[in-house]
Protein backbone atom coordinates (compact mmCIF):
# COMPACT_ATOMS: atom_id res chain seq x y z
CA MET A 1 -5.67 -12.22 -125.29
CA LYS A 2 -4.44 -13.80 -122.46
CA LEU A 3 -3.20 -11.43 -119.32
CA HIS A 4 -0.67 -12.26 -117.14
CA PRO A 5 -2.11 -12.60 -113.10
CA SER A 6 0.32 -9.62 -112.59
CA GLU A 7 -0.79 -7.32 -115.19
CA ILE A 8 -4.59 -7.66 -114.01
CA GLY A 9 -5.96 -4.29 -112.79
CA HIS A 10 -3.16 -2.19 -113.67
CA GLY A 11 -1.60 -0.90 -117.15
CA GLU A 12 1.55 -2.41 -116.97
CA PRO A 13 3.07 -5.57 -115.17
CA TRP A 14 3.65 -5.49 -111.52
CA ARG A 15 7.18 -5.79 -111.02
CA LEU A 16 9.37 -6.98 -107.85
CA ARG A 17 10.78 -3.87 -107.27
CA ASP A 18 7.81 -2.30 -106.95
CA PHE A 19 6.41 -4.55 -104.66
CA LEU A 20 9.74 -4.37 -102.56
CA LEU A 21 9.30 -1.02 -102.02
CA VAL A 22 5.46 -1.00 -101.29
CA ILE A 23 7.40 -3.48 -98.16
CA ALA A 24 10.44 -1.12 -97.53
CA ASN A 25 7.35 1.93 -97.18
CA ILE A 26 5.28 0.40 -95.08
CA ALA A 27 8.21 -0.89 -92.59
CA VAL A 28 9.95 2.73 -92.49
CA PHE A 29 6.26 3.78 -91.51
CA LEU A 30 6.10 1.21 -88.87
CA PHE A 31 9.36 1.93 -87.73
CA ILE A 32 8.79 5.27 -87.05
CA VAL A 33 5.48 4.90 -85.27
CA ASP A 34 7.39 2.50 -83.10
CA ILE A 35 9.93 5.11 -82.34
CA LEU A 36 7.03 7.92 -81.74
CA ARG A 37 5.35 5.70 -78.70
CA SER A 38 8.77 4.98 -77.13
CA ILE A 39 9.34 8.90 -77.24
CA ASP A 40 5.60 9.25 -75.98
CA GLY A 41 5.56 7.24 -72.73
CA GLY A 42 2.48 8.85 -71.96
CA PRO A 43 0.60 5.82 -71.28
CA SER A 44 3.02 3.56 -70.27
CA GLN A 45 4.33 5.55 -67.62
CA ASP A 46 0.72 6.16 -66.45
CA ALA A 47 0.39 2.64 -66.25
CA LYS A 48 3.84 2.90 -64.15
CA GLN A 49 2.66 4.96 -61.41
CA LYS A 50 -0.82 2.92 -61.38
CA ALA A 51 1.21 -0.11 -60.61
CA ALA A 52 3.60 1.63 -58.06
CA MET A 53 0.18 3.11 -56.29
CA ALA A 54 -1.43 -0.34 -55.95
CA ASP A 55 2.04 -2.07 -54.86
CA ILE A 56 1.97 0.94 -51.87
CA SER A 57 -1.15 0.17 -51.08
CA MET A 58 -0.73 -3.33 -50.39
CA VAL A 59 2.36 -2.14 -48.81
CA LYS A 60 0.41 -0.13 -46.34
CA GLU A 61 -2.17 -2.92 -45.88
CA GLN A 62 0.27 -5.50 -44.71
CA LEU A 63 1.52 -2.91 -42.48
CA GLN A 64 -1.26 -2.12 -40.76
CA MET A 65 -1.75 -6.23 -40.39
CA PHE A 66 1.78 -6.35 -38.91
CA LYS A 67 0.74 -3.47 -36.24
CA LEU A 68 -2.46 -5.36 -35.45
CA ASP A 69 -0.29 -8.68 -34.74
CA ASN A 70 2.69 -7.15 -32.99
CA GLY A 71 1.50 -4.11 -31.35
CA ARG A 72 3.54 -1.74 -33.80
CA TYR A 73 4.72 -0.93 -37.29
CA PRO A 74 8.49 -2.62 -38.08
CA THR A 75 11.12 0.07 -37.54
CA THR A 76 12.91 2.04 -40.48
CA THR A 77 15.91 -0.41 -39.87
CA GLU A 78 13.74 -3.72 -39.65
CA ASP A 79 12.38 -2.20 -43.17
CA ILE A 80 9.26 -3.59 -45.04
CA GLN A 81 11.68 -6.77 -44.68
CA ALA A 82 9.85 -7.48 -41.43
CA LEU A 83 6.92 -8.20 -43.58
CA VAL A 84 8.58 -11.18 -45.41
CA THR A 85 10.97 -12.57 -42.60
CA ASN A 86 10.65 -12.11 -38.73
CA PRO A 87 13.24 -9.35 -37.77
CA GLY A 88 13.99 -12.05 -34.85
CA ASN A 89 12.32 -10.28 -31.48
CA LEU A 90 8.49 -10.45 -32.32
CA PRO A 91 6.89 -13.07 -30.72
CA ARG A 92 3.44 -13.12 -32.29
CA TRP A 93 4.72 -12.68 -36.08
CA ASN A 94 3.63 -15.94 -36.93
CA HIS A 95 3.48 -15.79 -40.90
CA PRO A 96 4.97 -13.72 -43.79
CA TYR A 97 2.53 -10.58 -44.45
CA LEU A 98 4.07 -11.01 -48.17
CA ASP A 99 5.53 -13.26 -50.30
CA LYS A 100 8.45 -11.39 -51.14
CA LEU A 101 9.46 -7.32 -51.19
CA PRO A 102 8.06 -5.92 -53.94
CA ILE A 103 10.15 -3.64 -56.42
CA ASP A 104 8.93 -0.77 -58.26
CA PRO A 105 7.82 -0.55 -62.01
CA TRP A 106 10.81 0.95 -62.71
CA GLN A 107 13.20 -1.58 -60.89
CA HIS A 108 14.05 0.09 -57.67
CA PRO A 109 13.15 -1.17 -53.88
CA TYR A 110 10.39 0.80 -52.35
CA ILE A 111 11.30 2.88 -49.29
CA TYR A 112 10.04 2.83 -46.18
CA ARG A 113 10.29 5.37 -43.24
CA GLN A 114 9.26 4.66 -39.66
CA PRO A 115 7.90 7.53 -38.09
CA GLY A 116 7.64 9.13 -41.46
CA PRO A 117 8.20 12.83 -41.80
CA LYS A 118 6.37 15.82 -40.25
CA GLY A 119 4.47 13.52 -37.69
CA HIS A 120 2.94 10.94 -40.06
CA LEU A 121 3.42 6.89 -38.58
CA PHE A 122 5.45 6.15 -41.54
CA GLU A 123 6.17 6.44 -45.13
CA VAL A 124 6.36 4.28 -47.76
CA PHE A 125 7.37 5.78 -51.55
CA SER A 126 8.79 4.79 -54.91
CA THR A 127 11.09 7.14 -55.80
CA GLY A 128 10.00 6.93 -59.59
CA PRO A 129 11.66 6.76 -63.18
CA ASP A 130 14.56 8.25 -62.02
CA GLY A 131 15.40 6.35 -58.69
CA ILE A 132 16.25 9.47 -56.93
CA ALA A 133 14.70 10.01 -53.73
CA GLY A 134 13.30 13.72 -52.63
CA ASN A 135 12.21 15.34 -56.06
CA ALA A 136 8.69 15.51 -58.14
CA ASP A 137 8.86 12.20 -59.72
CA ASP A 138 8.68 10.53 -56.03
CA ILE A 139 5.15 8.34 -55.35
CA HIS A 140 4.42 8.45 -51.75
CA TYR A 141 2.04 7.28 -49.29
CA LEU A 142 2.34 8.95 -45.69
CA ALA A 143 0.40 7.21 -42.57
CA ALA A 144 -1.20 9.69 -40.50
CA TYR A 145 -1.92 9.15 -36.88
CA GLU A 146 -5.71 9.25 -37.33
CA SER A 147 -5.93 6.99 -39.50
CA ALA A 148 -3.68 3.99 -38.19
CA LYS A 149 -5.65 4.12 -34.78
């Protein structure tokens, strides 16, 4: 007796309907896994926070280079835009410190204040996932007087 390939190892023929049911179950499983990953947000939020901290560290270093060249930090009005283009009043500003202004991982601009709060030289921060300054999800760097001398 010759068996059809779909009958080998099975008590009855493998049907297209059964095959489609298995495929549908796999698709539903993968869909649920994808939803759970997007709800969790653990590693991706952690990665975004680390990326924001790296951006802030890079901006901080370029602000320190700006001060070495120009004798001062940019004002709050000049903002970190002064790292990209000369605000017009700095004769020793002779090159961009950044190619372009960084945007945080949540697509918000970084905020710069000089002087910073409570006597700090300056402050650079991301408003975090919610885009609102002044709450718990902000990511800050505050430059103390001692670290900037």
